[in-house]
Amino acid sequence: MGKQKKGNANAQRNNNAKEMQKRSEQAENNSYAEVEQKKMESE
């Protein structure tokens, strides 16, 4: 038999959603910083 997942499924989905939001915000900030850096280099 497989491993059973214990705990509150709704809480787990909420935690997953929060983690994905953090990652997307971080990726957005990184790409914005790269664009700004390229602007400064070209000036």
Protein backbone atom coordinates (compact mmCIF):
# COMPACT_ATOMS: atom_id res chain seq x y z
CA MET A 1 0.00 0.00 0.00
CA GLY A 2 1.11 3.56 -0.70
CA LYS A 3 1.94 6.30 1.71
CA GLN A 4 -1.10 8.03 3.15
CA LYS A 5 -1.11 11.81 3.34
CA LYS A 6 -2.27 13.05 6.70
CA GLY A 7 -3.43 16.52 7.63
CA ASN A 8 -5.76 19.19 6.34
CA ALA A 9 -5.87 19.17 2.53
CA ASN A 10 -7.19 22.73 2.37
CA ALA A 11 -4.33 24.03 4.52
CA GLN A 12 -1.83 22.25 2.28
CA ARG A 13 -3.31 23.83 -0.86
CA ASN A 14 -3.16 27.24 0.83
CA ASN A 15 0.51 26.75 1.74
CA ASN A 16 1.28 25.68 -1.83
CA ALA A 17 -0.46 28.77 -3.21
CA LYS A 18 1.50 31.07 -0.88
CA GLU A 19 4.78 29.46 -1.93
CA MET A 20 3.96 29.85 -5.63
CA GLN A 21 3.07 33.52 -5.09
CA LYS A 22 6.41 34.16 -3.35
CA ARG A 23 8.30 32.49 -6.20
CA SER A 24 6.48 34.45 -8.91
CA GLU A 25 7.03 37.75 -7.09
CA GLN A 26 10.71 36.96 -6.68
CA ALA A 27 11.07 36.06 -10.37
CA GLU A 28 9.28 39.28 -11.38
CA ASN A 29 11.56 41.37 -9.17
CA ASN A 30 14.66 39.67 -10.57
CA SER A 31 13.67 40.32 -14.17
CA TYR A 32 12.81 43.96 -13.37
CA ALA A 33 16.25 44.45 -11.79
CA GLU A 34 17.90 42.97 -14.88
CA VAL A 35 16.04 45.39 -17.15
CA GLU A 36 17.04 48.36 -15.01
CA GLN A 37 20.66 47.22 -14.98
CA LYS A 38 20.71 46.96 -18.78
CA LYS A 39 19.25 50.48 -19.03
CA MET A 40 22.01 51.84 -16.81
CA GLU A 41 24.72 50.04 -18.78
CA SER A 42 23.48 51.43 -22.10
CA GLU A 43 23.53 55.07 -20.86
